[in-house]
Amino acid sequence: MSGPVYMSETRSGTVADPEARYANFFRIGFNAYEFVLDFGQEYPPEAERIHTRLVVNIALARNLCETLESSLRDYSSRFPQGANDRVKR
């Protein structure tokens, strides 16, 4: 697996300009063939509002998990003061 892709680059090295959406809430579901990742915003007492849904195959879900774990390790090395931040639910 190659290294992380930072926000202003793609694997081909060209600058990407995707739409960015803020999320402070997510949930994950799955079936026999794919994973479903929902992202949105939650501000109690209102219910969460989903604004983005990703549906990915199992191989891509595994790759996403490995890449996220690697990126979190890199983050913890670069920003040790923030390494223990966790959202409590």
C-alpha atoms as a PDB file:
ATOM      1  CA  MET A   1       0.000   0.000   0.000  1.00  0.00           C
ATOM      2  CA  SER A   2       1.335   3.431  -0.832  1.00  0.00           C
ATOM      3  CA  GLY A   3       1.437   6.390   1.567  1.00  0.00           C
ATOM      4  CA  PRO A   4      -1.393   8.684   2.510  1.00  0.00           C
ATOM      5  CA  VAL A   5      -2.991  11.093   0.070  1.00  0.00           C
ATOM      6  CA  TYR A   6      -3.273  14.557   1.551  1.00  0.00           C
ATOM      7  CA  MET A   7      -6.241  16.840   1.029  1.00  0.00           C
ATOM      8  CA  SER A   8      -4.839  18.769  -1.954  1.00  0.00           C
ATOM      9  CA  GLU A   9      -3.544  15.863  -4.017  1.00  0.00           C
ATOM     10  CA  THR A  10      -4.647  12.688  -5.710  1.00  0.00           C
ATOM     11  CA  ARG A  11      -2.732   9.502  -6.488  1.00  0.00           C
ATOM     12  CA  SER A  12      -1.936  10.902  -9.951  1.00  0.00           C
ATOM     13  CA  GLY A  13      -0.477  14.045  -8.382  1.00  0.00           C
ATOM     14  CA  THR A  14      -3.061  16.413  -9.835  1.00  0.00           C
ATOM     15  CA  VAL A  15      -4.949  18.807  -7.609  1.00  0.00           C
ATOM     16  CA  ALA A  16      -8.467  17.662  -6.793  1.00  0.00           C
ATOM     17  CA  ASP A  17     -11.391  19.976  -6.092  1.00  0.00           C
ATOM     18  CA  PRO A  18     -14.072  17.774  -4.497  1.00  0.00           C
ATOM     19  CA  GLU A  19     -17.013  19.184  -2.571  1.00  0.00           C
ATOM     20  CA  ALA A  20     -16.239  19.230   1.158  1.00  0.00           C
ATOM     21  CA  ARG A  21     -18.914  18.598   3.774  1.00  0.00           C
ATOM     22  CA  TYR A  22     -18.415  18.793   7.540  1.00  0.00           C
ATOM     23  CA  ALA A  23     -19.497  15.757   9.565  1.00  0.00           C
ATOM     24  CA  ASN A  24     -19.529  15.266  13.312  1.00  0.00           C
ATOM     25  CA  PHE A  25     -21.577  12.078  13.072  1.00  0.00           C
ATOM     26  CA  PHE A  26     -21.265   8.825  11.164  1.00  0.00           C
ATOM     27  CA  ARG A  27     -22.666   5.335  11.140  1.00  0.00           C
ATOM     28  CA  ILE A  28     -21.627   2.203   9.318  1.00  0.00           C
ATOM     29  CA  GLY A  29     -23.730  -0.683   8.050  1.00  0.00           C
ATOM     30  CA  PHE A  30     -23.038  -3.657   5.822  1.00  0.00           C
ATOM     31  CA  ASN A  31     -24.534  -6.568   3.975  1.00  0.00           C
ATOM     32  CA  ALA A  32     -22.933  -9.591   2.326  1.00  0.00           C
ATOM     33  CA  TYR A  33     -21.503  -7.528  -0.549  1.00  0.00           C
ATOM     34  CA  GLU A  34     -20.827  -3.970   0.584  1.00  0.00           C
ATOM     35  CA  PHE A  35     -20.368  -1.488   3.398  1.00  0.00           C
ATOM     36  CA  VAL A  36     -22.551   1.602   3.741  1.00  0.00           C
ATOM     37  CA  LEU A  37     -20.989   4.656   5.417  1.00  0.00           C
ATOM     38  CA  ASP A  38     -23.318   7.517   6.322  1.00  0.00           C
ATOM     39  CA  PHE A  39     -21.928  10.928   7.343  1.00  0.00           C
ATOM     40  CA  GLY A  40     -23.831  13.874   8.704  1.00  0.00           C
ATOM     41  CA  GLN A  41     -24.307  16.369  11.475  1.00  0.00           C
ATOM     42  CA  GLU A  42     -25.820  15.946  14.910  1.00  0.00           C
ATOM     43  CA  TYR A  43     -26.758  18.779  17.245  1.00  0.00           C
ATOM     44  CA  PRO A  44     -28.890  17.491  20.134  1.00  0.00           C
ATOM     45  CA  PRO A  45     -31.717  17.644  20.901  1.00  0.00           C
ATOM     46  CA  GLU A  46     -32.345  17.489  17.133  1.00  0.00           C
ATOM     47  CA  ALA A  47     -31.939  14.153  15.359  1.00  0.00           C
ATOM     48  CA  GLU A  48     -28.865  13.546  13.231  1.00  0.00           C
ATOM     49  CA  ARG A  49     -29.053  14.611   9.579  1.00  0.00           C
ATOM     50  CA  ILE A  50     -27.256  12.427   7.039  1.00  0.00           C
ATOM     51  CA  HIS A  51     -25.845  14.368   4.074  1.00  0.00           C
ATOM     52  CA  THR A  52     -23.451  11.891   2.447  1.00  0.00           C
ATOM     53  CA  ARG A  53     -23.641   8.145   1.889  1.00  0.00           C
ATOM     54  CA  LEU A  54     -20.774   6.043   0.540  1.00  0.00           C
ATOM     55  CA  VAL A  55     -21.413   2.488  -0.600  1.00  0.00           C
ATOM     56  CA  VAL A  56     -18.204   0.518  -1.152  1.00  0.00           C
ATOM     57  CA  ASN A  57     -17.302  -3.090  -1.881  1.00  0.00           C
ATOM     58  CA  ILE A  58     -15.609  -5.232   0.778  1.00  0.00           C
ATOM     59  CA  ALA A  59     -12.098  -4.895  -0.702  1.00  0.00           C
ATOM     60  CA  LEU A  60     -12.344  -1.106  -0.730  1.00  0.00           C
ATOM     61  CA  ALA A  61     -13.737  -1.081   2.831  1.00  0.00           C
ATOM     62  CA  ARG A  62     -10.684  -3.082   4.000  1.00  0.00           C
ATOM     63  CA  ASN A  63      -8.376  -0.685   2.139  1.00  0.00           C
ATOM     64  CA  LEU A  64     -10.157   2.313   3.684  1.00  0.00           C
ATOM     65  CA  CYS A  65      -9.732   0.826   7.161  1.00  0.00           C
ATOM     66  CA  GLU A  66      -6.019   0.126   6.642  1.00  0.00           C
ATOM     67  CA  THR A  67      -5.419   3.598   5.197  1.00  0.00           C
ATOM     68  CA  LEU A  68      -7.324   5.281   8.029  1.00  0.00           C
ATOM     69  CA  GLU A  69      -5.345   3.310  10.638  1.00  0.00           C
ATOM     70  CA  SER A  70      -2.071   4.297   8.951  1.00  0.00           C
ATOM     71  CA  SER A  71      -3.132   7.935   8.738  1.00  0.00           C
ATOM     72  CA  LEU A  72      -4.140   7.968  12.424  1.00  0.00           C
ATOM     73  CA  ARG A  73      -0.704   6.586  13.383  1.00  0.00           C
ATOM     74  CA  ASP A  74       0.941   9.305  11.254  1.00  0.00           C
ATOM     75  CA  TYR A  75      -1.303  11.937  12.871  1.00  0.00           C
ATOM     76  CA  SER A  76      -0.407  10.701  16.372  1.00  0.00           C
ATOM     77  CA  SER A  77       3.289  10.978  15.524  1.00  0.00           C
ATOM     78  CA  ARG A  78       2.958  14.509  14.137  1.00  0.00           C
ATOM     79  CA  PHE A  79       0.488  15.837  16.715  1.00  0.00           C
ATOM     80  CA  PRO A  80       0.978  13.901  19.952  1.00  0.00           C
ATOM     81  CA  GLN A  81      -1.068  16.418  21.944  1.00  0.00           C
ATOM     82  CA  GLY A  82      -4.164  15.498  19.929  1.00  0.00           C
ATOM     83  CA  ALA A  83      -3.554  11.766  19.746  1.00  0.00           C
ATOM     84  CA  ASN A  84      -5.964  10.933  22.579  1.00  0.00           C
ATOM     85  CA  ASP A  85      -8.895  13.063  21.431  1.00  0.00           C
ATOM     86  CA  ARG A  86     -12.032  10.972  21.249  1.00  0.00           C
ATOM     87  CA  VAL A  87     -15.672  11.803  20.744  1.00  0.00           C
ATOM     88  CA  LYS A  88     -17.778  10.399  23.559  1.00  0.00           C
ATOM     89  CA  ARG A  89     -21.153   8.927  22.577  1.00  0.00           C
END
